[in-house]
Each structure stands twice: as structure tokens, then as C-alpha cells.
Amino acid sequence: MATVTIGISTLDEVGKRVEAAFRGEPQGEHISFETMELLWKVLTPKNWELLKVMTGAGPMSIREASRRVGRDVKAVHGDIHVLLKAGMLVRTDDGRVAFPYDAIHVDFMVTKAA
């Protein structure tokens, strides 16, 4: 089962994961956002809903994704493009879109403001 970890990471933290991967240390799949605000901007409740129905489902048309979430095709089209631009979805050679993971792990910590 392919699981992706979505979280908040600085460029330095991402760089350290890349260096470790080059040394042959398994890092797993990660989608990182630089700030919590950016994560919430991309992962709106409607975008989370799309990811949930696409998780483990394989490639599908935007029309099929719309049907699965019970929303207008035009609105889902816009949300799909936000997720594509953020690197969370991929487009297949035949024009469909996919979330290529079977599970999502969310990992971030909120601490007291400085």
C-alpha cells in the first residue's frame, strides 16, 4: 500500500530528506507545504473531499470525480487544477487525473506562538 505523508516542512528539512534519499535511506512519499497557511489554502474542505474519493481509486475523468463528490463539473474542474498545480494529483497520458496513493498520513504540529 502506497501511503503519502502530507505535512509542513522547511526547505532545509526537505533538503535533508533528499540528501538521505541519495544516501539510499528510504524516505517514503511526502507532499510538503512551507507553511500551515499554504496547506489550508490548497487543502480546502472540498479539496480534501476530492482527495478522499480519489485515494486508491486509480485514474478518473473530472466528470467521474464530480459524480463521486456530488458537485458541479465546472467547480470540481477548478479544484482539480489547484491540486494538479500543487503537485498532489497527476494527469495520465489519456487526460484523466489520479491521486496515486492508497492512504494519506497527515503530520504537523501546532505550538504556542512566539
Foldseek 3Di string as FASTA:
>chain_A
DAEEEEEADAPVRVVVLVVCVVVVHDDGHYQYDPDPVVVCVLPPVVLVVLCVVQAVVDWDALVVSCVVSVHDSVVSVVSVVSCVVSVQWDADPVGTIGRPHNYYHYDDDDDDDD
